[in-house]
C-alpha atoms as a PDB file:
ATOM      1  CA  MET A   1     -16.166  39.056  24.645  1.00  0.00           C
ATOM      2  CA  ILE A   2     -12.375  38.642  24.564  1.00  0.00           C
ATOM      3  CA  ALA A   3     -12.502  35.825  27.135  1.00  0.00           C
ATOM      4  CA  TYR A   4     -15.068  33.991  24.991  1.00  0.00           C
ATOM      5  CA  LYS A   5     -12.768  34.057  21.935  1.00  0.00           C
ATOM      6  CA  LYS A   6      -9.810  32.906  24.022  1.00  0.00           C
ATOM      7  CA  ILE A   7     -11.743  29.906  25.400  1.00  0.00           C
ATOM      8  CA  THR A   8     -12.978  28.986  21.933  1.00  0.00           C
ATOM      9  CA  ILE A   9      -9.453  29.035  20.504  1.00  0.00           C
ATOM     10  CA  GLN A  10      -8.166  26.984  23.446  1.00  0.00           C
ATOM     11  CA  LEU A  11     -10.772  24.327  22.663  1.00  0.00           C
ATOM     12  CA  ILE A  12     -10.479  24.368  18.876  1.00  0.00           C
ATOM     13  CA  LEU A  13      -6.690  24.134  18.541  1.00  0.00           C
ATOM     14  CA  PRO A  14      -6.232  20.870  20.508  1.00  0.00           C
ATOM     15  CA  ALA A  15      -9.195  19.309  18.698  1.00  0.00           C
ATOM     16  CA  LEU A  16      -7.740  20.351  15.350  1.00  0.00           C
ATOM     17  CA  ALA A  17      -4.348  18.925  16.343  1.00  0.00           C
ATOM     18  CA  LEU A  18      -5.969  15.638  17.346  1.00  0.00           C
ATOM     19  CA  ILE A  19      -7.865  15.374  14.057  1.00  0.00           C
ATOM     20  CA  THR A  20      -4.697  16.158  12.080  1.00  0.00           C
ATOM     21  CA  ALA A  21      -2.712  13.531  13.992  1.00  0.00           C
ATOM     22  CA  SER A  22      -5.379  10.893  13.322  1.00  0.00           C
ATOM     23  CA  PHE A  23      -5.266  11.611   9.575  1.00  0.00           C
ATOM     24  CA  VAL A  24      -1.470  11.336   9.606  1.00  0.00           C
ATOM     25  CA  LEU A  25      -1.624   7.955  11.356  1.00  0.00           C
ATOM     26  CA  MET A  26      -4.269   6.667   8.937  1.00  0.00           C
ATOM     27  CA  GLY A  27      -2.081   7.817   6.059  1.00  0.00           C
ATOM     28  CA  CYS A  28       0.845   5.735   7.311  1.00  0.00           C
ATOM     29  CA  ASN A  29      -1.311   2.618   7.316  1.00  0.00           C
ATOM     30  CA  THR A  30      -2.536   3.397   3.793  1.00  0.00           C
ATOM     31  CA  VAL A  31       0.998   3.864   2.466  1.00  0.00           C
ATOM     32  CA  GLU A  32       2.052   0.545   3.994  1.00  0.00           C
ATOM     33  CA  GLY A  33      -0.851  -1.209   2.283  1.00  0.00           C
ATOM     34  CA  ALA A  34      -0.021   0.450  -1.018  1.00  0.00           C
ATOM     35  CA  GLY A  35       3.584  -0.710  -0.706  1.00  0.00           C
ATOM     36  CA  THR A  36       2.399  -4.277  -0.178  1.00  0.00           C
ATOM     37  CA  ASP A  37       0.120  -4.070  -3.224  1.00  0.00           C
ATOM     38  CA  ILE A  38       2.925  -2.680  -5.376  1.00  0.00           C
ATOM     39  CA  ARG A  39       5.277  -5.447  -4.226  1.00  0.00           C
ATOM     40  CA  HIS A  40       2.705  -8.123  -5.148  1.00  0.00           C
ATOM     41  CA  ALA A  41       2.154  -6.498  -8.542  1.00  0.00           C
ATOM     42  CA  GLY A  42       5.904  -6.499  -9.150  1.00  0.00           C
ATOM     43  CA  ARG A  43       6.121 -10.186  -8.345  1.00  0.00           C
ATOM     44  CA  ALA A  44       3.268 -10.924 -10.748  1.00  0.00           C
ATOM     45  CA  ILE A  45       5.117  -9.028 -13.486  1.00  0.00           C
ATOM     46  CA  GLU A  46       8.307 -10.970 -12.736  1.00  0.00           C
ATOM     47  CA  HIS A  47       6.427 -14.260 -12.994  1.00  0.00           C
ATOM     48  CA  ALA A  48       4.835 -13.222 -16.279  1.00  0.00           C
ATOM     49  CA  ALA A  49       8.256 -12.290 -17.638  1.00  0.00           C
ATOM     50  CA  GLU A  50       9.702 -15.638 -16.570  1.00  0.00           C
ATOM     51  CA  ASP A  51       6.803 -17.456 -18.213  1.00  0.00           C
ATOM     52  CA  ALA A  52       7.339 -15.474 -21.417  1.00  0.00           C
ATOM     53  CA  LYS A  53      11.014 -16.507 -21.534  1.00  0.00           C
ATOM     54  CA  GLN A  54      10.111 -20.216 -21.727  1.00  0.00           C
ATOM     55  CA  PRO A  55       8.565 -21.035 -25.083  1.00  0.00           C
ATOM     56  CA  CYS A  56       5.504 -23.240 -24.834  1.00  0.00           C
ATOM     57  CA  THR A  57       4.100 -25.199 -27.756  1.00  0.00           C
ATOM     58  CA  PRO A  58       1.185 -27.626 -28.034  1.00  0.00           C
ATOM     59  CA  THR A  59       3.645 -30.522 -28.250  1.00  0.00           C
ATOM     60  CA  ALA A  60       5.830 -29.248 -25.383  1.00  0.00           C
ATOM     61  CA  PRO A  61       3.630 -27.604 -22.731  1.00  0.00           C
ATOM     62  CA  CYS A  62       5.174 -25.273 -20.204  1.00  0.00           C
ATOM     63  CA  PRO A  63       6.472 -26.971 -17.064  1.00  0.00           C
ATOM     64  CA  PRO A  64       4.657 -25.987 -13.871  1.00  0.00           C
ATOM     65  CA  ARG A  65       6.473 -23.546 -11.661  1.00  0.00           C
ATOM     66  CA  THR A  66       7.703 -24.746  -8.311  1.00  0.00           C
ATOM     67  CA  GLN A  67       7.026 -22.912  -5.054  1.00  0.00           C
ATOM     68  CA  SER A  68      10.575 -21.490  -5.017  1.00  0.00           C
ATOM     69  CA  GLN A  69      10.072 -19.991  -8.480  1.00  0.00           C
ATOM     70  CA  ARG A  70       6.932 -18.142  -7.335  1.00  0.00           C
ATOM     71  CA  ARG A  71       8.731 -16.047  -4.721  1.00  0.00           C
END
């Protein structure tokens, strides 16, 4: 009976370690993607703030942004 428990533990611990490592690696990829999304959201907020600084009227429409202003 003791040998059976020892074999079971020897099989379960490596499998549990492998599953834990896979979740950690998936988490790194998720955090990287979240960082990219946050960066894009920040750029969109910056662009909105820049657009809000330039007053636009029906007689003087806003000038289009250039590619360098979008970065």
